[in-house]
Amino acid sequence: MAYSENCLCHALINKGIDISPIKKLVRNRNIPHKDLKVIAQTLNIYISLRFIKDEKKKLHYGDKSKEEIKIGNINSHYFLIED
């Protein structure tokens, strides 16, 4: 079965985010961390990225006045962290 969205897009869709403005930015499976800033700005969202292998490491992208969207990362795989 082929998937039309990568794991980051799937996580954002699960959060209710319309990803159509970033479809051209996320053409393949791997999304570099540097591109998360552009993605957050384009979608006007705030992403906090946590690394499962290094729980102390947390990166922030976008407008911190917006609702925080918690994304986890393990082995270059992104997933939504739901409280």
Protein backbone atom coordinates (compact mmCIF):
# COMPACT_ATOMS: atom_id res chain seq x y z
CA MET A 1 0.00 0.00 0.00
CA ALA A 2 1.40 3.41 -0.97
CA TYR A 3 0.97 6.39 1.29
CA SER A 4 0.27 9.87 -0.02
CA GLU A 5 1.71 11.63 3.06
CA ASN A 6 4.93 11.15 4.97
CA CYS A 7 4.97 10.64 8.74
CA LEU A 8 5.19 14.37 9.58
CA CYS A 9 2.24 15.20 7.34
CA HIS A 10 0.29 12.31 8.81
CA ALA A 11 0.98 13.62 12.35
CA LEU A 12 -0.18 17.13 11.39
CA ILE A 13 -3.32 15.78 9.71
CA ASN A 14 -4.11 13.81 12.87
CA LYS A 15 -3.91 17.11 14.76
CA GLY A 16 -6.41 18.64 12.33
CA ILE A 17 -3.93 20.78 10.39
CA ASP A 18 -4.52 21.44 6.68
CA ILE A 19 -1.19 20.48 5.06
CA SER A 20 -2.04 21.57 1.50
CA PRO A 21 0.22 24.69 1.72
CA ILE A 22 3.29 22.50 2.41
CA LYS A 23 2.67 19.67 -0.06
CA LYS A 24 5.49 20.90 -2.31
CA LEU A 25 7.91 21.21 0.63
CA VAL A 26 7.45 17.63 1.80
CA ARG A 27 7.92 15.56 -1.31
CA ASN A 28 9.72 12.62 0.25
CA ARG A 29 9.91 10.60 3.45
CA ASN A 30 12.75 12.48 5.13
CA ILE A 31 12.18 16.02 6.38
CA PRO A 32 15.33 17.79 7.64
CA HIS A 33 14.92 19.58 10.97
CA LYS A 34 15.90 22.86 9.28
CA ASP A 35 12.75 22.60 7.13
CA LEU A 36 10.49 22.44 10.20
CA LYS A 37 10.93 26.19 10.69
CA VAL A 38 9.63 26.87 7.18
CA ILE A 39 6.80 24.36 7.63
CA ALA A 40 5.72 25.93 10.94
CA GLN A 41 5.85 29.44 9.47
CA THR A 42 3.96 28.42 6.33
CA LEU A 43 1.20 26.72 8.34
CA ASN A 44 1.23 29.44 11.03
CA ILE A 45 1.64 26.86 13.80
CA TYR A 46 3.95 26.16 16.74
CA ILE A 47 5.81 22.84 16.75
CA SER A 48 7.81 21.47 19.66
CA LEU A 49 10.00 18.57 18.62
CA ARG A 50 11.09 15.99 21.18
CA PHE A 51 13.69 13.32 20.58
CA ILE A 52 12.93 9.95 22.11
CA LYS A 53 16.59 8.92 22.30
CA ASP A 54 17.54 12.20 24.02
CA GLU A 55 14.65 13.36 26.20
CA LYS A 56 16.49 16.54 27.23
CA LYS A 57 16.67 17.71 23.62
CA LYS A 58 13.64 19.75 22.55
CA LEU A 59 13.48 22.11 19.58
CA HIS A 60 10.86 24.76 18.88
CA TYR A 61 9.59 26.05 15.54
CA GLY A 62 7.04 28.70 14.68
CA ASP A 63 4.92 31.15 16.65
CA LYS A 64 4.97 30.28 20.36
CA SER A 65 1.73 32.20 20.90
CA LYS A 66 -0.09 29.46 18.95
CA GLU A 67 -1.24 26.15 20.43
CA GLU A 68 1.72 23.79 20.88
CA ILE A 69 1.79 20.81 18.54
CA LYS A 70 4.00 18.19 20.14
CA ILE A 71 5.89 16.07 17.65
CA GLY A 72 8.16 13.19 18.59
CA ASN A 73 11.14 11.96 16.61
CA ILE A 74 12.75 8.54 16.69
CA ASN A 75 15.10 7.30 13.98
CA SER A 76 14.04 10.12 11.62
CA HIS A 77 10.36 9.18 12.08
CA TYR A 78 7.93 11.90 13.19
CA PHE A 79 4.78 11.22 15.18
CA LEU A 80 2.16 13.22 17.07
CA ILE A 81 2.47 13.24 20.86
CA GLU A 82 -0.99 13.40 22.36
CA ASP A 83 -1.51 14.23 26.02
